[in-house]
Amino acid sequence: MSRGAYLAVAALVILAGLVLRLVPWGLPRRIHHVGGGILWGAMLFLLAAALRPRGWSDRAALAAAFLAATAIELFRLYRSPGLDAFRMTLAGQLLLGRIFSAWNLLSYAAGIALAFLATRRSR
């Protein structure tokens, strides 16, 4: 896939995540939460693939997405008044999340892996 195609698909995944998050579907909270994590992980891979340096393989983008997801999740353990106030806003919740959860890492990993496999099959 081209960089533009990765970005276009990432934009669609972001849109799907916002629709899942902001539209009251009446889904069980667990499905809503895990689905959002899967979409967020897929977005990370697609952005990593689109923005990777020349010469990086899809597998390097896969590794970068896993590392980014882990770093972002671990960053949730850091607390400061200003950062916590931002995390309480909708933008903060969407971008950073509010609390650390190892379960989130599983959702992100699933989304990253699914996006990686889907883009490999599209060749």
N, C-alpha and C. Protein backbone atom coordinates (compact mmCIF):
# COMPACT_ATOMS: atom_id res chain seq x y z
N MET A 1 0.85 -1.18 0.00
CA MET A 1 0.00 0.00 0.00
C MET A 1 0.89 1.24 0.00
N SER A 2 0.40 2.28 -0.59
CA SER A 2 1.12 3.54 -0.59
C SER A 2 0.90 4.27 0.74
N ARG A 3 1.75 5.25 0.99
CA ARG A 3 1.58 6.06 2.21
C ARG A 3 0.21 6.72 2.24
N GLY A 4 -0.22 7.22 1.09
CA GLY A 4 -1.53 7.86 1.01
C GLY A 4 -2.66 6.89 1.32
N ALA A 5 -2.53 5.65 0.86
CA ALA A 5 -3.56 4.64 1.13
C ALA A 5 -3.60 4.31 2.62
N TYR A 6 -2.42 4.18 3.24
CA TYR A 6 -2.40 3.94 4.70
C TYR A 6 -3.08 5.09 5.44
N LEU A 7 -2.79 6.32 5.04
CA LEU A 7 -3.40 7.48 5.71
C LEU A 7 -4.91 7.51 5.50
N ALA A 8 -5.36 7.16 4.29
CA ALA A 8 -6.80 7.16 4.00
C ALA A 8 -7.52 6.11 4.86
N VAL A 9 -6.93 4.93 4.95
CA VAL A 9 -7.55 3.88 5.77
C VAL A 9 -7.50 4.27 7.24
N ALA A 10 -6.40 4.90 7.66
CA ALA A 10 -6.30 5.37 9.06
C ALA A 10 -7.41 6.38 9.34
N ALA A 11 -7.69 7.27 8.40
CA ALA A 11 -8.77 8.25 8.59
C ALA A 11 -10.11 7.55 8.73
N LEU A 12 -10.34 6.50 7.96
CA LEU A 12 -11.60 5.74 8.08
C LEU A 12 -11.69 5.04 9.44
N VAL A 13 -10.57 4.50 9.90
CA VAL A 13 -10.56 3.83 11.21
C VAL A 13 -10.81 4.85 12.32
N ILE A 14 -10.21 6.04 12.20
CA ILE A 14 -10.46 7.10 13.19
C ILE A 14 -11.93 7.47 13.20
N LEU A 15 -12.51 7.61 12.02
CA LEU A 15 -13.94 7.93 11.92
C LEU A 15 -14.78 6.83 12.57
N ALA A 16 -14.44 5.57 12.30
CA ALA A 16 -15.18 4.46 12.91
C ALA A 16 -15.04 4.49 14.43
N GLY A 17 -13.85 4.81 14.93
CA GLY A 17 -13.64 4.89 16.38
C GLY A 17 -14.46 6.00 17.00
N LEU A 18 -14.52 7.15 16.33
CA LEU A 18 -15.32 8.26 16.85
C LEU A 18 -16.81 7.92 16.85
N VAL A 19 -17.25 7.25 15.80
CA VAL A 19 -18.66 6.85 15.73
C VAL A 19 -18.96 5.85 16.85
N LEU A 20 -18.05 4.89 17.05
CA LEU A 20 -18.25 3.92 18.13
C LEU A 20 -18.28 4.62 19.48
N ARG A 21 -17.41 5.60 19.65
CA ARG A 21 -17.27 6.27 20.95
C ARG A 21 -18.41 7.27 21.22
N LEU A 22 -18.82 8.00 20.19
CA LEU A 22 -19.72 9.13 20.42
C LEU A 22 -21.20 8.85 20.16
N VAL A 23 -21.49 7.82 19.39
CA VAL A 23 -22.89 7.49 19.10
C VAL A 23 -23.39 6.50 20.16
N PRO A 24 -24.53 6.78 20.79
CA PRO A 24 -25.04 5.87 21.83
C PRO A 24 -25.68 4.62 21.21
N TRP A 25 -24.89 3.60 20.99
CA TRP A 25 -25.34 2.37 20.33
C TRP A 25 -26.09 1.45 21.29
N GLY A 26 -25.92 1.64 22.57
CA GLY A 26 -26.54 0.74 23.53
C GLY A 26 -25.79 -0.58 23.66
N LEU A 27 -24.55 -0.60 23.22
CA LEU A 27 -23.73 -1.81 23.33
C LEU A 27 -23.27 -2.01 24.77
N PRO A 28 -23.01 -3.24 25.15
CA PRO A 28 -22.41 -3.46 26.47
C PRO A 28 -21.09 -2.69 26.57
N ARG A 29 -20.81 -2.19 27.73
CA ARG A 29 -19.60 -1.37 27.94
C ARG A 29 -18.34 -2.12 27.51
N ARG A 30 -18.26 -3.39 27.79
CA ARG A 30 -17.07 -4.17 27.45
C ARG A 30 -16.84 -4.22 25.94
N ILE A 31 -17.90 -4.43 25.17
CA ILE A 31 -17.78 -4.46 23.71
C ILE A 31 -17.37 -3.09 23.20
N HIS A 32 -17.99 -2.07 23.73
CA HIS A 32 -17.66 -0.69 23.36
C HIS A 32 -16.19 -0.40 23.64
N HIS A 33 -15.72 -0.80 24.81
CA HIS A 33 -14.34 -0.52 25.23
C HIS A 33 -13.33 -1.32 24.41
N VAL A 34 -13.56 -2.62 24.26
CA VAL A 34 -12.63 -3.47 23.51
C VAL A 34 -12.63 -3.08 22.03
N GLY A 35 -13.80 -2.81 21.48
CA GLY A 35 -13.87 -2.39 20.08
C GLY A 35 -13.09 -1.11 19.84
N GLY A 36 -13.22 -0.17 20.76
CA GLY A 36 -12.46 1.08 20.63
C GLY A 36 -10.97 0.83 20.71
N GLY A 37 -10.54 -0.08 21.58
CA GLY A 37 -9.13 -0.42 21.70
C GLY A 37 -8.60 -1.07 20.43
N ILE A 38 -9.39 -1.95 19.85
CA ILE A 38 -8.98 -2.61 18.60
C ILE A 38 -8.83 -1.58 17.49
N LEU A 39 -9.79 -0.68 17.38
CA LEU A 39 -9.70 0.37 16.36
C LEU A 39 -8.52 1.30 16.61
N TRP A 40 -8.27 1.62 17.87
CA TRP A 40 -7.15 2.49 18.22
C TRP A 40 -5.83 1.82 17.84
N GLY A 41 -5.70 0.53 18.12
CA GLY A 41 -4.49 -0.21 17.74
C GLY A 41 -4.32 -0.26 16.23
N ALA A 42 -5.42 -0.50 15.52
CA ALA A 42 -5.35 -0.51 14.05
C ALA A 42 -4.88 0.84 13.53
N MET A 43 -5.40 1.91 14.12
CA MET A 43 -4.99 3.25 13.71
C MET A 43 -3.49 3.45 13.93
N LEU A 44 -2.99 2.98 15.08
CA LEU A 44 -1.55 3.11 15.35
C LEU A 44 -0.71 2.42 14.29
N PHE A 45 -1.09 1.20 13.92
CA PHE A 45 -0.32 0.52 12.88
C PHE A 45 -0.39 1.27 11.56
N LEU A 46 -1.57 1.69 11.17
CA LEU A 46 -1.73 2.38 9.89
C LEU A 46 -0.93 3.67 9.85
N LEU A 47 -0.91 4.41 10.95
CA LEU A 47 -0.11 5.64 11.01
C LEU A 47 1.38 5.32 11.00
N ALA A 48 1.78 4.28 11.73
CA ALA A 48 3.19 3.88 11.73
C ALA A 48 3.63 3.46 10.33
N ALA A 49 2.77 2.74 9.63
CA ALA A 49 3.09 2.30 8.27
C ALA A 49 3.16 3.48 7.31
N ALA A 50 2.27 4.45 7.48
CA ALA A 50 2.25 5.61 6.59
C ALA A 50 3.43 6.54 6.84
N LEU A 51 3.85 6.66 8.09
CA LEU A 51 4.86 7.65 8.47
C LEU A 51 6.25 7.05 8.66
N ARG A 52 6.40 5.76 8.44
CA ARG A 52 7.69 5.10 8.66
C ARG A 52 8.76 5.67 7.73
N PRO A 53 9.99 5.64 8.20
CA PRO A 53 11.09 6.09 7.33
C PRO A 53 11.24 5.18 6.11
N ARG A 54 11.74 5.73 5.05
CA ARG A 54 11.98 4.92 3.84
C ARG A 54 12.91 3.77 4.21
N GLY A 55 12.62 2.62 3.67
CA GLY A 55 13.44 1.45 3.95
C GLY A 55 12.90 0.58 5.07
N TRP A 56 11.99 1.10 5.88
CA TRP A 56 11.39 0.27 6.93
C TRP A 56 10.37 -0.66 6.30
N SER A 57 10.35 -1.88 6.75
CA SER A 57 9.38 -2.86 6.26
C SER A 57 8.06 -2.73 7.01
N ASP A 58 7.08 -3.49 6.53
CA ASP A 58 5.80 -3.56 7.26
C ASP A 58 6.01 -4.12 8.67
N ARG A 59 6.94 -5.05 8.80
CA ARG A 59 7.22 -5.63 10.11
C ARG A 59 7.84 -4.60 11.05
N ALA A 60 8.64 -3.70 10.52
CA ALA A 60 9.20 -2.63 11.35
C ALA A 60 8.09 -1.70 11.82
N ALA A 61 7.14 -1.40 10.93
CA ALA A 61 5.98 -0.58 11.32
C ALA A 61 5.14 -1.30 12.36
N LEU A 62 5.03 -2.62 12.23
CA LEU A 62 4.31 -3.43 13.21
C LEU A 62 4.97 -3.31 14.58
N ALA A 63 6.28 -3.45 14.62
CA ALA A 63 7.02 -3.34 15.88
C ALA A 63 6.89 -1.93 16.46
N ALA A 64 6.97 -0.91 15.60
CA ALA A 64 6.85 0.47 16.07
C ALA A 64 5.47 0.73 16.67
N ALA A 65 4.45 0.17 16.05
CA ALA A 65 3.09 0.35 16.56
C ALA A 65 2.93 -0.32 17.93
N PHE A 66 3.47 -1.53 18.09
CA PHE A 66 3.41 -2.21 19.39
C PHE A 66 4.16 -1.41 20.46
N LEU A 67 5.33 -0.91 20.11
CA LEU A 67 6.10 -0.11 21.07
C LEU A 67 5.37 1.18 21.43
N ALA A 68 4.79 1.84 20.44
CA ALA A 68 4.05 3.08 20.70
C ALA A 68 2.85 2.80 21.60
N ALA A 69 2.12 1.74 21.32
CA ALA A 69 0.95 1.40 22.13
C ALA A 69 1.35 1.14 23.58
N THR A 70 2.44 0.41 23.75
CA THR A 70 2.92 0.10 25.10
C THR A 70 3.36 1.38 25.82
N ALA A 71 4.11 2.22 25.12
CA ALA A 71 4.59 3.47 25.73
C ALA A 71 3.43 4.37 26.13
N ILE A 72 2.43 4.48 25.25
CA ILE A 72 1.28 5.34 25.54
C ILE A 72 0.50 4.80 26.73
N GLU A 73 0.34 3.49 26.78
CA GLU A 73 -0.39 2.89 27.91
C GLU A 73 0.39 3.10 29.21
N LEU A 74 1.69 2.90 29.18
CA LEU A 74 2.51 3.11 30.38
C LEU A 74 2.51 4.58 30.80
N PHE A 75 2.40 5.49 29.84
CA PHE A 75 2.36 6.92 30.15
C PHE A 75 1.16 7.27 31.02
N ARG A 76 0.13 6.44 30.97
CA ARG A 76 -1.05 6.68 31.80
C ARG A 76 -0.75 6.54 33.29
N LEU A 77 0.34 5.89 33.61
CA LEU A 77 0.74 5.76 35.02
C LEU A 77 1.32 7.06 35.56
N TYR A 78 1.78 7.94 34.69
CA TYR A 78 2.34 9.23 35.11
C TYR A 78 1.20 10.19 35.43
N ARG A 79 1.29 10.85 36.56
CA ARG A 79 0.24 11.76 37.01
C ARG A 79 0.80 13.15 37.25
N SER A 80 0.05 14.15 36.81
CA SER A 80 0.30 15.55 37.15
C SER A 80 -1.05 16.25 37.07
N PRO A 81 -1.25 17.32 37.82
CA PRO A 81 -2.56 17.99 37.82
C PRO A 81 -3.01 18.44 36.43
N GLY A 82 -2.12 19.05 35.68
CA GLY A 82 -2.49 19.53 34.34
C GLY A 82 -2.82 18.40 33.40
N LEU A 83 -2.00 17.36 33.42
CA LEU A 83 -2.23 16.20 32.56
C LEU A 83 -3.51 15.47 32.95
N ASP A 84 -3.75 15.33 34.25
CA ASP A 84 -4.98 14.69 34.70
C ASP A 84 -6.21 15.49 34.30
N ALA A 85 -6.11 16.81 34.35
CA ALA A 85 -7.23 17.66 33.92
C ALA A 85 -7.50 17.46 32.44
N PHE A 86 -6.43 17.37 31.63
CA PHE A 86 -6.61 17.14 30.20
C PHE A 86 -7.21 15.76 29.95
N ARG A 87 -6.78 14.77 30.71
CA ARG A 87 -7.31 13.41 30.53
C ARG A 87 -8.81 13.33 30.80
N MET A 88 -9.34 14.26 31.56
CA MET A 88 -10.78 14.27 31.85
C MET A 88 -11.60 14.87 30.72
N THR A 89 -10.96 15.55 29.75
CA THR A 89 -11.68 16.10 28.61
C THR A 89 -11.89 15.00 27.57
N LEU A 90 -12.81 15.22 26.63
CA LEU A 90 -13.05 14.24 25.57
C LEU A 90 -11.77 14.03 24.75
N ALA A 91 -11.10 15.12 24.39
CA ALA A 91 -9.86 15.00 23.62
C ALA A 91 -8.82 14.20 24.40
N GLY A 92 -8.69 14.47 25.69
CA GLY A 92 -7.74 13.74 26.51
C GLY A 92 -8.08 12.27 26.61
N GLN A 93 -9.36 11.96 26.73
CA GLN A 93 -9.78 10.56 26.81
C GLN A 93 -9.49 9.83 25.50
N LEU A 94 -9.75 10.49 24.38
CA LEU A 94 -9.53 9.86 23.08
C LEU A 94 -8.05 9.70 22.75
N LEU A 95 -7.25 10.69 23.10
CA LEU A 95 -5.83 10.67 22.74
C LEU A 95 -4.96 9.92 23.74
N LEU A 96 -5.20 10.12 25.02
CA LEU A 96 -4.32 9.56 26.05
C LEU A 96 -4.97 8.49 26.91
N GLY A 97 -6.27 8.54 27.04
CA GLY A 97 -6.95 7.64 27.96
C GLY A 97 -6.79 8.13 29.39
N ARG A 98 -7.53 7.55 30.29
CA ARG A 98 -7.51 8.03 31.67
C ARG A 98 -6.75 7.12 32.62
N ILE A 99 -6.92 5.81 32.47
CA ILE A 99 -6.31 4.90 33.45
C ILE A 99 -5.51 3.81 32.72
N PHE A 100 -4.50 3.30 33.40
CA PHE A 100 -3.70 2.20 32.87
C PHE A 100 -4.49 0.91 32.96
N SER A 101 -4.39 0.09 31.92
CA SER A 101 -5.01 -1.24 31.95
C SER A 101 -4.22 -2.17 31.04
N ALA A 102 -3.73 -3.24 31.61
CA ALA A 102 -3.03 -4.24 30.80
C ALA A 102 -3.98 -4.84 29.76
N TRP A 103 -5.28 -4.89 30.07
CA TRP A 103 -6.25 -5.40 29.10
C TRP A 103 -6.30 -4.54 27.85
N ASN A 104 -6.08 -3.22 28.02
CA ASN A 104 -6.04 -2.35 26.85
C ASN A 104 -4.94 -2.78 25.90
N LEU A 105 -3.81 -3.19 26.45
CA LEU A 105 -2.70 -3.62 25.59
C LEU A 105 -3.11 -4.81 24.72
N LEU A 106 -3.93 -5.70 25.26
CA LEU A 106 -4.42 -6.83 24.45
C LEU A 106 -5.31 -6.36 23.32
N SER A 107 -6.19 -5.40 23.60
CA SER A 107 -7.05 -4.85 22.55
C SER A 107 -6.22 -4.16 21.49
N TYR A 108 -5.24 -3.36 21.92
CA TYR A 108 -4.38 -2.66 20.96
C TYR A 108 -3.61 -3.66 20.11
N ALA A 109 -3.07 -4.70 20.76
CA ALA A 109 -2.31 -5.72 20.03
C ALA A 109 -3.18 -6.41 18.98
N ALA A 110 -4.42 -6.69 19.34
CA ALA A 110 -5.34 -7.31 18.38
C ALA A 110 -5.58 -6.38 17.19
N GLY A 111 -5.82 -5.11 17.46
CA GLY A 111 -6.04 -4.16 16.38
C GLY A 111 -4.82 -3.98 15.49
N ILE A 112 -3.65 -3.91 16.11
CA ILE A 112 -2.41 -3.77 15.35
C ILE A 112 -2.22 -4.99 14.46
N ALA A 113 -2.39 -6.18 15.03
CA ALA A 113 -2.21 -7.42 14.26
C ALA A 113 -3.23 -7.53 13.13
N LEU A 114 -4.48 -7.19 13.41
CA LEU A 114 -5.52 -7.26 12.38
C LEU A 114 -5.24 -6.30 11.23
N ALA A 115 -4.82 -5.08 11.56
CA ALA A 115 -4.50 -4.11 10.51
C ALA A 115 -3.30 -4.56 9.70
N PHE A 116 -2.30 -5.09 10.36
CA PHE A 116 -1.11 -5.62 9.67
C PHE A 116 -1.52 -6.73 8.71
N LEU A 117 -2.31 -7.68 9.20
CA LEU A 117 -2.73 -8.80 8.34
C LEU A 117 -3.63 -8.33 7.20
N ALA A 118 -4.52 -7.39 7.47
CA ALA A 118 -5.42 -6.89 6.43
C ALA A 118 -4.66 -6.18 5.33
N THR A 119 -3.64 -5.41 5.70
CA THR A 119 -2.89 -4.70 4.67
C THR A 119 -1.99 -5.65 3.89
N ARG A 120 -1.54 -6.72 4.51
CA ARG A 120 -0.72 -7.71 3.78
C ARG A 120 -1.57 -8.48 2.78
N ARG A 121 -2.82 -8.73 3.13
CA ARG A 121 -3.71 -9.47 2.23
C ARG A 121 -4.19 -8.61 1.06
N SER A 122 -4.08 -7.29 1.21
CA SER A 122 -4.58 -6.40 0.16
C SER A 122 -3.60 -6.28 -1.00
N ARG A 123 -2.47 -6.95 -0.91
CA ARG A 123 -1.45 -6.86 -1.98
C ARG A 123 -1.75 -7.78 -3.12
